[in-house]
Amino acid sequence: AEHQRFTTATGIQVYFCDPKSPWQRGSNENT
């Protein structure tokens, strides 16, 4: 929920998947 706090500290933008769609983060799920 505090993704903007993370982006402000790092300059890295956060993107969000669709609900109940773990396959959109397939590398993370497999690992």
Full PDB file with SEQRES, HELIX, SHEET, SSBOND, CRYST1, ORIGX, SCALE, CONECT and MASTER records, all heavy atoms in Angstrom:
SEQRES   1 A   31  ALA GLU HIS GLN ARG PHE THR THR ALA THR GLY ILE GLN          
SEQRES   2 A   31  VAL TYR PHE CYS ASP PRO LYS SER PRO TRP GLN ARG GLY          
SEQRES   3 A   31  SER ASN GLU ASN THR                                          
HELIX    1 AA1 HIS A    3  THR A   10  1                                   8    
HELIX    2 AA2 PRO A   22  ARG A   25  5                                   4    
HELIX    3 AA3 GLY A   26  ASN A   30  1                                   5    
CRYST1    1.000    1.000    1.000  90.00  90.00  90.00 P 1           1          
ORIGX1      1.000000  0.000000  0.000000        0.00000                         
ORIGX2      0.000000  1.000000  0.000000        0.00000                         
ORIGX3      0.000000  0.000000  1.000000        0.00000                         
SCALE1      1.000000  0.000000  0.000000        0.00000                         
SCALE2      0.000000  1.000000  0.000000        0.00000                         
SCALE3      0.000000  0.000000  1.000000        0.00000                         
ATOM      1  N   ALA A   1       0.820  -1.211   0.000  1.00  0.00           N  
ATOM      2  CA  ALA A   1       0.000   0.000   0.000  1.00  0.00           C  
ATOM      3  C   ALA A   1       0.857   1.265   0.000  1.00  0.00           C  
ATOM      4  O   ALA A   1       0.441   2.307  -0.495  1.00  0.00           O  
ATOM      5  CB  ALA A   1      -0.929   0.004   1.222  1.00  0.00           C  
ATOM      6  N   GLU A   2       2.084   1.166   0.542  1.00  0.00           N  
ATOM      7  CA  GLU A   2       2.985   2.331   0.602  1.00  0.00           C  
ATOM      8  C   GLU A   2       3.982   2.316  -0.560  1.00  0.00           C  
ATOM      9  O   GLU A   2       5.155   2.664  -0.392  1.00  0.00           O  
ATOM     10  CB  GLU A   2       3.722   2.333   1.949  1.00  0.00           C  
ATOM     11  CG  GLU A   2       2.830   2.552   3.158  1.00  0.00           C  
ATOM     12  CD  GLU A   2       2.384   4.008   3.289  1.00  0.00           C  
ATOM     13  OE1 GLU A   2       3.008   4.871   2.643  1.00  0.00           O  
ATOM     14  OE2 GLU A   2       1.422   4.264   4.033  1.00  0.00           O  
ATOM     15  N   HIS A   3       3.504   1.919  -1.736  1.00  0.00           N  
ATOM     16  CA  HIS A   3       4.424   1.818  -2.884  1.00  0.00           C  
ATOM     17  C   HIS A   3       5.028   3.170  -3.258  1.00  0.00           C  
ATOM     18  O   HIS A   3       6.158   3.242  -3.746  1.00  0.00           O  
ATOM     19  CB  HIS A   3       3.690   1.211  -4.086  1.00  0.00           C  
ATOM     20  CG  HIS A   3       2.575   2.060  -4.616  1.00  0.00           C  
ATOM     21  ND1 HIS A   3       2.742   2.926  -5.672  1.00  0.00           N  
ATOM     22  CD2 HIS A   3       1.289   2.189  -4.222  1.00  0.00           C  
ATOM     23  CE1 HIS A   3       1.598   3.544  -5.906  1.00  0.00           C  
ATOM     24  NE2 HIS A   3       0.697   3.121  -5.042  1.00  0.00           N  
ATOM     25  N   GLN A   4       4.288   4.253  -3.032  1.00  0.00           N  
ATOM     26  CA  GLN A   4       4.838   5.582  -3.362  1.00  0.00           C  
ATOM     27  C   GLN A   4       6.011   5.938  -2.451  1.00  0.00           C  
ATOM     28  O   GLN A   4       6.954   6.596  -2.871  1.00  0.00           O  
ATOM     29  CB  GLN A   4       3.730   6.637  -3.256  1.00  0.00           C  
ATOM     30  CG  GLN A   4       2.682   6.528  -4.368  1.00  0.00           C  
ATOM     31  CD  GLN A   4       1.588   7.568  -4.219  1.00  0.00           C  
ATOM     32  OE1 GLN A   4       0.815   7.544  -3.268  1.00  0.00           O  
ATOM     33  NE2 GLN A   4       1.520   8.482  -5.171  1.00  0.00           N  
ATOM     34  N   ARG A   5       5.942   5.479  -1.222  1.00  0.00           N  
ATOM     35  CA  ARG A   5       7.045   5.681  -0.284  1.00  0.00           C  
ATOM     36  C   ARG A   5       8.298   4.975  -0.799  1.00  0.00           C  
ATOM     37  O   ARG A   5       9.407   5.522  -0.764  1.00  0.00           O  
ATOM     38  CB  ARG A   5       6.626   5.127   1.083  1.00  0.00           C  
ATOM     39  CG  ARG A   5       7.664   5.198   2.189  1.00  0.00           C  
ATOM     40  CD  ARG A   5       7.053   4.614   3.453  1.00  0.00           C  
ATOM     41  NE  ARG A   5       7.950   4.644   4.586  1.00  0.00           N  
ATOM     42  CZ  ARG A   5       7.571   4.956   5.821  1.00  0.00           C  
ATOM     43  NH1 ARG A   5       6.319   5.301   6.060  1.00  0.00           N  
ATOM     44  NH2 ARG A   5       8.427   4.922   6.821  1.00  0.00           N  
ATOM     45  N   PHE A   6       8.113   3.742  -1.307  1.00  0.00           N  
ATOM     46  CA  PHE A   6       9.230   2.984  -1.869  1.00  0.00           C  
ATOM     47  C   PHE A   6       9.796   3.691  -3.098  1.00  0.00           C  
ATOM     48  O   PHE A   6      11.024   3.821  -3.258  1.00  0.00           O  
ATOM     49  CB  PHE A   6       8.744   1.577  -2.234  1.00  0.00           C  
ATOM     50  CG  PHE A   6       9.703   0.782  -3.077  1.00  0.00           C  
ATOM     51  CD1 PHE A   6      10.759   0.109  -2.492  1.00  0.00           C  
ATOM     52  CD2 PHE A   6       9.544   0.700  -4.459  1.00  0.00           C  
ATOM     53  CE1 PHE A   6      11.648  -0.625  -3.264  1.00  0.00           C  
ATOM     54  CE2 PHE A   6      10.420  -0.034  -5.236  1.00  0.00           C  
ATOM     55  CZ  PHE A   6      11.476  -0.696  -4.638  1.00  0.00           C  
ATOM     56  N   THR A   7       8.923   4.165  -3.983  1.00  0.00           N  
ATOM     57  CA  THR A   7       9.371   4.843  -5.211  1.00  0.00           C  
ATOM     58  C   THR A   7      10.118   6.130  -4.897  1.00  0.00           C  
ATOM     59  O   THR A   7      11.143   6.442  -5.525  1.00  0.00           O  
ATOM     60  CB  THR A   7       8.162   5.127  -6.118  1.00  0.00           C  
ATOM     61  OG1 THR A   7       7.530   3.887  -6.473  1.00  0.00           O  
ATOM     62  CG2 THR A   7       8.579   5.847  -7.387  1.00  0.00           C  
ATOM     63  N   THR A   8       9.642   6.887  -3.921  1.00  0.00           N  
ATOM     64  CA  THR A   8      10.317   8.126  -3.529  1.00  0.00           C  
ATOM     65  C   THR A   8      11.727   7.838  -3.019  1.00  0.00           C  
ATOM     66  O   THR A   8      12.675   8.578  -3.319  1.00  0.00           O  
ATOM     67  CB  THR A   8       9.500   8.845  -2.444  1.00  0.00           C  
ATOM     68  OG1 THR A   8       8.207   9.155  -2.960  1.00  0.00           O  
ATOM     69  CG2 THR A   8      10.193  10.131  -1.997  1.00  0.00           C  
ATOM     70  N   ALA A   9      11.887   6.743  -2.263  1.00  0.00           N  
ATOM     71  CA  ALA A   9      13.195   6.421  -1.683  1.00  0.00           C  
ATOM     72  C   ALA A   9      14.166   5.843  -2.704  1.00  0.00           C  
ATOM     73  O   ALA A   9      15.389   5.993  -2.553  1.00  0.00           O  
ATOM     74  CB  ALA A   9      13.014   5.435  -0.531  1.00  0.00           C  
ATOM     75  N   THR A  10      13.660   5.192  -3.762  1.00  0.00           N  
ATOM     76  CA  THR A  10      14.537   4.463  -4.678  1.00  0.00           C  
ATOM     77  C   THR A  10      14.519   4.969  -6.117  1.00  0.00           C  
ATOM     78  O   THR A  10      15.444   4.676  -6.875  1.00  0.00           O  
ATOM     79  CB  THR A  10      14.128   2.982  -4.713  1.00  0.00           C  
ATOM     80  OG1 THR A  10      12.788   2.887  -5.245  1.00  0.00           O  
ATOM     81  CG2 THR A  10      14.165   2.377  -3.317  1.00  0.00           C  
ATOM     82  N   GLY A  11      13.454   5.668  -6.497  1.00  0.00           N  
ATOM     83  CA  GLY A  11      13.300   6.055  -7.896  1.00  0.00           C  
ATOM     84  C   GLY A  11      12.790   4.925  -8.768  1.00  0.00           C  
ATOM     85  O   GLY A  11      12.700   5.069  -9.997  1.00  0.00           O  
ATOM     86  N   ILE A  12      12.430   3.812  -8.169  1.00  0.00           N  
ATOM     87  CA  ILE A  12      11.949   2.645  -8.916  1.00  0.00           C  
ATOM     88  C   ILE A  12      10.421   2.655  -8.922  1.00  0.00           C  
ATOM     89  O   ILE A  12       9.788   2.683  -7.863  1.00  0.00           O  
ATOM     90  CB  ILE A  12      12.466   1.336  -8.291  1.00  0.00           C  
ATOM     91  CG1 ILE A  12      13.995   1.301  -8.343  1.00  0.00           C  
ATOM     92  CG2 ILE A  12      11.872   0.122  -9.001  1.00  0.00           C  
ATOM     93  CD1 ILE A  12      14.587   0.090  -7.650  1.00  0.00           C  
ATOM     94  N   GLN A  13       9.834   2.609 -10.097  1.00  0.00           N  
ATOM     95  CA  GLN A  13       8.385   2.617 -10.218  1.00  0.00           C  
ATOM     96  C   GLN A  13       7.823   1.219  -9.968  1.00  0.00           C  
ATOM     97  O   GLN A  13       8.400   0.211 -10.406  1.00  0.00           O  
ATOM     98  CB  GLN A  13       7.961   3.098 -11.615  1.00  0.00           C  
ATOM     99  CG  GLN A  13       6.467   3.220 -11.793  1.00  0.00           C  
ATOM    100  CD  GLN A  13       5.870   4.248 -10.841  1.00  0.00           C  
ATOM    101  OE1 GLN A  13       6.233   5.414 -10.890  1.00  0.00           O  
ATOM    102  NE2 GLN A  13       4.959   3.805  -9.981  1.00  0.00           N  
ATOM    103  N   VAL A  14       6.699   1.148  -9.261  1.00  0.00           N  
ATOM    104  CA  VAL A  14       6.041  -0.123  -8.968  1.00  0.00           C  
ATOM    105  C   VAL A  14       4.835  -0.284  -9.891  1.00  0.00           C  
ATOM    106  O   VAL A  14       4.040   0.643 -10.050  1.00  0.00           O  
ATOM    107  CB  VAL A  14       5.584  -0.202  -7.497  1.00  0.00           C  
ATOM    108  CG1 VAL A  14       4.936  -1.559  -7.215  1.00  0.00           C  
ATOM    109  CG2 VAL A  14       6.768   0.026  -6.556  1.00  0.00           C  
ATOM    110  N   TYR A  15       4.688  -1.481 -10.485  1.00  0.00           N  
ATOM    111  CA  TYR A  15       3.547  -1.816 -11.334  1.00  0.00           C  
ATOM    112  C   TYR A  15       2.785  -2.970 -10.689  1.00  0.00           C  
ATOM    113  O   TYR A  15       3.392  -3.862 -10.075  1.00  0.00           O  
ATOM    114  CB  TYR A  15       4.011  -2.204 -12.739  1.00  0.00           C  
ATOM    115  CG  TYR A  15       4.752  -1.093 -13.444  1.00  0.00           C  
ATOM    116  CD1 TYR A  15       6.131  -0.950 -13.310  1.00  0.00           C  
ATOM    117  CD2 TYR A  15       4.073  -0.159 -14.227  1.00  0.00           C  
ATOM    118  CE1 TYR A  15       6.818   0.090 -13.936  1.00  0.00           C  
ATOM    119  CE2 TYR A  15       4.747   0.877 -14.857  1.00  0.00           C  
ATOM    120  CZ  TYR A  15       6.119   1.000 -14.703  1.00  0.00           C  
ATOM    121  OH  TYR A  15       6.778   2.039 -15.316  1.00  0.00           O  
ATOM    122  N   PHE A  16       1.461  -2.968 -10.845  1.00  0.00           N  
ATOM    123  CA  PHE A  16       0.627  -3.951 -10.161  1.00  0.00           C  
ATOM    124  C   PHE A  16      -0.062  -4.878 -11.151  1.00  0.00           C  
ATOM    125  O   PHE A  16      -0.564  -4.445 -12.195  1.00  0.00           O  
ATOM    126  CB  PHE A  16      -0.415  -3.248  -9.285  1.00  0.00           C  
ATOM    127  CG  PHE A  16       0.191  -2.585  -8.080  1.00  0.00           C  
ATOM    128  CD1 PHE A  16       0.588  -1.258  -8.135  1.00  0.00           C  
ATOM    129  CD2 PHE A  16       0.396  -3.299  -6.910  1.00  0.00           C  
ATOM    130  CE1 PHE A  16       1.168  -0.647  -7.029  1.00  0.00           C  
ATOM    131  CE2 PHE A  16       0.973  -2.695  -5.800  1.00  0.00           C  
ATOM    132  CZ  PHE A  16       1.354  -1.369  -5.860  1.00  0.00           C  
ATOM    133  N   CYS A  17      -0.116  -6.165 -10.764  1.00  0.00           N  
ATOM    134  CA  CYS A  17      -0.768  -7.189 -11.588  1.00  0.00           C  
ATOM    135  C   CYS A  17      -2.290  -7.098 -11.456  1.00  0.00           C  
ATOM    136  O   CYS A  17      -2.817  -6.391 -10.599  1.00  0.00           O  
ATOM    137  CB  CYS A  17      -0.321  -8.580 -11.137  1.00  0.00           C  
ATOM    138  SG  CYS A  17       1.445  -8.863 -11.269  1.00  0.00           S  
ATOM    139  N   ASP A  18      -2.969  -7.841 -12.308  1.00  0.00           N  
ATOM    140  CA  ASP A  18      -4.415  -8.001 -12.170  1.00  0.00           C  
ATOM    141  C   ASP A  18      -4.698  -8.857 -10.935  1.00  0.00           C  
ATOM    142  O   ASP A  18      -3.850  -9.643 -10.502  1.00  0.00           O  
ATOM    143  CB  ASP A  18      -4.996  -8.697 -13.410  1.00  0.00           C  
ATOM    144  CG  ASP A  18      -4.891  -7.821 -14.651  1.00  0.00           C  
ATOM    145  OD1 ASP A  18      -5.176  -6.623 -14.530  1.00  0.00           O  
ATOM    146  OD2 ASP A  18      -4.533  -8.351 -15.711  1.00  0.00           O  
ATOM    147  N   PRO A  19      -5.907  -8.723 -10.351  1.00  0.00           N  
ATOM    148  CA  PRO A  19      -6.258  -9.571  -9.203  1.00  0.00           C  
ATOM    149  C   PRO A  19      -6.194 -11.055  -9.570  1.00  0.00           C  
ATOM    150  O   PRO A  19      -6.582 -11.453 -10.665  1.00  0.00           O  
ATOM    151  CB  PRO A  19      -7.698  -9.145  -8.870  1.00  0.00           C  
ATOM    152  CG  PRO A  19      -7.843  -7.778  -9.454  1.00  0.00           C  
ATOM    153  CD  PRO A  19      -6.985  -7.764 -10.678  1.00  0.00           C  
ATOM    154  N   LYS A  20      -5.680 -11.856  -8.654  1.00  0.00           N  
ATOM    155  CA  LYS A  20      -5.633 -13.315  -8.797  1.00  0.00           C  
ATOM    156  C   LYS A  20      -4.960 -13.743 -10.099  1.00  0.00           C  
ATOM    157  O   LYS A  20      -5.429 -14.651 -10.787  1.00  0.00           O  
ATOM    158  CB  LYS A  20      -7.050 -13.899  -8.706  1.00  0.00           C  
ATOM    159  CG  LYS A  20      -7.746 -13.608  -7.386  1.00  0.00           C  
ATOM    160  CD  LYS A  20      -9.143 -14.192  -7.345  1.00  0.00           C  
ATOM    161  CE  LYS A  20      -9.838 -13.862  -6.037  1.00  0.00           C  
ATOM    162  NZ  LYS A  20     -11.216 -14.390  -5.968  1.00  0.00           N  
ATOM    163  N   SER A  21      -3.868 -13.068 -10.439  1.00  0.00           N  
ATOM    164  CA  SER A  21      -3.146 -13.394 -11.681  1.00  0.00           C  
ATOM    165  C   SER A  21      -1.658 -13.595 -11.391  1.00  0.00           C  
ATOM    166  O   SER A  21      -0.808 -12.825 -11.856  1.00  0.00           O  
ATOM    167  CB  SER A  21      -3.340 -12.278 -12.715  1.00  0.00           C  
ATOM    168  OG  SER A  21      -4.699 -12.088 -13.018  1.00  0.00           O  
ATOM    169  N   PRO A  22      -1.309 -14.625 -10.593  1.00  0.00           N  
ATOM    170  CA  PRO A  22       0.103 -14.829 -10.239  1.00  0.00           C  
ATOM    171  C   PRO A  22       0.981 -15.113 -11.449  1.00  0.00           C  
ATOM    172  O   PRO A  22       2.190 -14.869 -11.411  1.00  0.00           O  
ATOM    173  CB  PRO A  22       0.054 -16.026  -9.279  1.00  0.00           C  
ATOM    174  CG  PRO A  22      -1.232 -16.715  -9.587  1.00  0.00           C  
ATOM    175  CD  PRO A  22      -2.186 -15.631  -9.989  1.00  0.00           C  
ATOM    176  N   TRP A  23       0.356 -15.618 -12.530  1.00  0.00           N  
ATOM    177  CA  TRP A  23       1.158 -15.904 -13.724  1.00  0.00           C  
ATOM    178  C   TRP A  23       1.772 -14.645 -14.320  1.00  0.00           C  
ATOM    179  O   TRP A  23       2.738 -14.719 -15.090  1.00  0.00           O  
ATOM    180  CB  TRP A  23       0.283 -16.604 -14.769  1.00  0.00           C  
ATOM    181  CG  TRP A  23      -0.971 -15.857 -15.109  1.00  0.00           C  
ATOM    182  CD1 TRP A  23      -2.179 -15.992 -14.506  1.00  0.00           C  
ATOM    183  CD2 TRP A  23      -1.135 -14.850 -16.115  1.00  0.00           C  
ATOM    184  NE1 TRP A  23      -3.099 -15.136 -15.064  1.00  0.00           N  
ATOM    185  CE2 TRP A  23      -2.484 -14.419 -16.060  1.00  0.00           C  
ATOM    186  CE3 TRP A  23      -0.297 -14.262 -17.039  1.00  0.00           C  
ATOM    187  CZ2 TRP A  23      -2.989 -13.438 -16.890  1.00  0.00           C  
ATOM    188  CZ3 TRP A  23      -0.805 -13.287 -17.880  1.00  0.00           C  
ATOM    189  CH2 TRP A  23      -2.132 -12.881 -17.803  1.00  0.00           C  
ATOM    190  N   GLN A  24       1.251 -13.462 -13.984  1.00  0.00           N  
ATOM    191  CA  GLN A  24       1.840 -12.224 -14.488  1.00  0.00           C  
ATOM    192  C   GLN A  24       3.163 -11.904 -13.792  1.00  0.00           C  
ATOM    193  O   GLN A  24       3.868 -10.993 -14.219  1.00  0.00           O  
ATOM    194  CB  GLN A  24       0.847 -11.067 -14.319  1.00  0.00           C  
ATOM    195  CG  GLN A  24      -0.380 -11.211 -15.211  1.00  0.00           C  
ATOM    196  CD  GLN A  24      -1.386 -10.082 -15.031  1.00  0.00           C  
ATOM    197  OE1 GLN A  24      -1.478  -9.465 -13.965  1.00  0.00           O  
ATOM    198  NE2 GLN A  24      -2.159  -9.808 -16.074  1.00  0.00           N  
ATOM    199  N   ARG A  25       3.462 -12.630 -12.726  1.00  0.00           N  
ATOM    200  CA  ARG A  25       4.772 -12.560 -12.074  1.00  0.00           C  
ATOM    201  C   ARG A  25       5.378 -13.963 -12.098  1.00  0.00           C  
ATOM    202  O   ARG A  25       5.774 -14.511 -11.074  1.00  0.00           O  
ATOM    203  CB  ARG A  25       4.659 -12.094 -10.621  1.00  0.00           C  
ATOM    204  CG  ARG A  25       3.965 -10.793 -10.388  1.00  0.00           C  
ATOM    205  CD  ARG A  25       3.769 -10.501  -8.897  1.00  0.00           C  
ATOM    206  NE  ARG A  25       4.346 -11.471  -8.001  1.00  0.00           N  
ATOM    207  CZ  ARG A  25       3.717 -12.550  -7.522  1.00  0.00           C  
ATOM    208  NH1 ARG A  25       2.464 -12.813  -7.857  1.00  0.00           N  
ATOM    209  NH2 ARG A  25       4.337 -13.369  -6.698  1.00  0.00           N  
ATOM    210  N   GLY A  26       5.439 -14.549 -13.288  1.00  0.00           N  
ATOM    211  CA  GLY A  26       5.818 -15.952 -13.419  1.00  0.00           C  
ATOM    212  C   GLY A  26       7.192 -16.281 -12.880  1.00  0.00           C  
ATOM    213  O   GLY A  26       7.392 -17.316 -12.230  1.00  0.00           O  
ATOM    214  N   SER A  27       8.176 -15.418 -13.126  1.00  0.00           N  
ATOM    215  CA  SER A  27       9.541 -15.688 -12.642  1.00  0.00           C  
ATOM    216  C   SER A  27       9.565 -15.760 -11.123  1.00  0.00           C  
ATOM    217  O   SER A  27      10.208 -16.621 -10.525  1.00  0.00           O  
ATOM    218  CB  SER A  27      10.499 -14.596 -13.128  1.00  0.00           C  
ATOM    219  OG  SER A  27      10.569 -14.576 -14.531  1.00  0.00           O  
ATOM    220  N   ASN A  28       8.844 -14.831 -10.494  1.00  0.00           N  
ATOM    221  CA  ASN A  28       8.802 -14.802  -9.035  1.00  0.00           C  
ATOM    222  C   ASN A  28       8.080 -16.026  -8.479  1.00  0.00           C  
ATOM    223  O   ASN A  28       8.536 -16.647  -7.505  1.00  0.00           O  
ATOM    224  CB  ASN A  28       8.102 -13.515  -8.590  1.00  0.00           C  
ATOM    225  CG  ASN A  28       8.169 -13.306  -7.090  1.00  0.00           C  
ATOM    226  OD1 ASN A  28       7.142 -13.319  -6.428  1.00  0.00           O  
ATOM    227  ND2 ASN A  28       9.359 -13.114  -6.544  1.00  0.00           N  
ATOM    228  N   GLU A  29       6.963 -16.395  -9.097  1.00  0.00           N  
ATOM    229  CA  GLU A  29       6.207 -17.549  -8.618  1.00  0.00           C  
ATOM    230  C   GLU A  29       7.024 -18.835  -8.735  1.00  0.00           C  
ATOM    231  O   GLU A  29       7.036 -19.666  -7.823  1.00  0.00           O  
ATOM    232  CB  GLU A  29       4.906 -17.693  -9.411  1.00  0.00           C  
ATOM    233  CG  GLU A  29       3.840 -16.674  -9.061  1.00  0.00           C  
ATOM    234  CD  GLU A  29       3.273 -16.890  -7.672  1.00  0.00           C  
ATOM    235  OE1 GLU A  29       2.737 -17.972  -7.392  1.00  0.00           O  
ATOM    236  OE2 GLU A  29       3.401 -15.965  -6.843  1.00  0.00           O  
ATOM    237  N   ASN A  30       7.721 -19.011  -9.870  1.00  0.00           N  
ATOM    238  CA  ASN A  30       8.539 -20.218 -10.050  1.00  0.00           C  
ATOM    239  C   ASN A  30       9.672 -20.272  -9.030  1.00  0.00           C  
ATOM    240  O   ASN A  30       9.968 -21.328  -8.460  1.00  0.00           O  
ATOM    241  CB  ASN A  30       9.115 -20.260 -11.468  1.00  0.00           C  
ATOM    242  CG  ASN A  30       8.032 -20.510 -12.511  1.00  0.00           C  
ATOM    243  OD1 ASN A  30       6.985 -21.070 -12.202  1.00  0.00           O  
ATOM    244  ND2 ASN A  30       8.284 -20.086 -13.740  1.00  0.00           N  
ATOM    245  N   THR A  31      10.292 -19.130  -8.796  1.00  0.00           N  
ATOM    246  CA  THR A  31      11.397 -19.092  -7.829  1.00  0.00           C  
ATOM    247  C   THR A  31      10.889 -19.344  -6.423  1.00  0.00           C  
ATOM    248  O   THR A  31      11.553 -20.018  -5.620  1.00  0.00           O  
ATOM    249  CB  THR A  31      12.124 -17.732  -7.905  1.00  0.00           C  
ATOM    250  OG1 THR A  31      12.571 -17.515  -9.257  1.00  0.00           O  
ATOM    251  CG2 THR A  31      13.327 -17.711  -6.977  1.00  0.00           C  
TER     252      THR A  31                                                      
MASTER        0    0    0    3    0    0    0    6  251    1    0    3          
END                                                                             
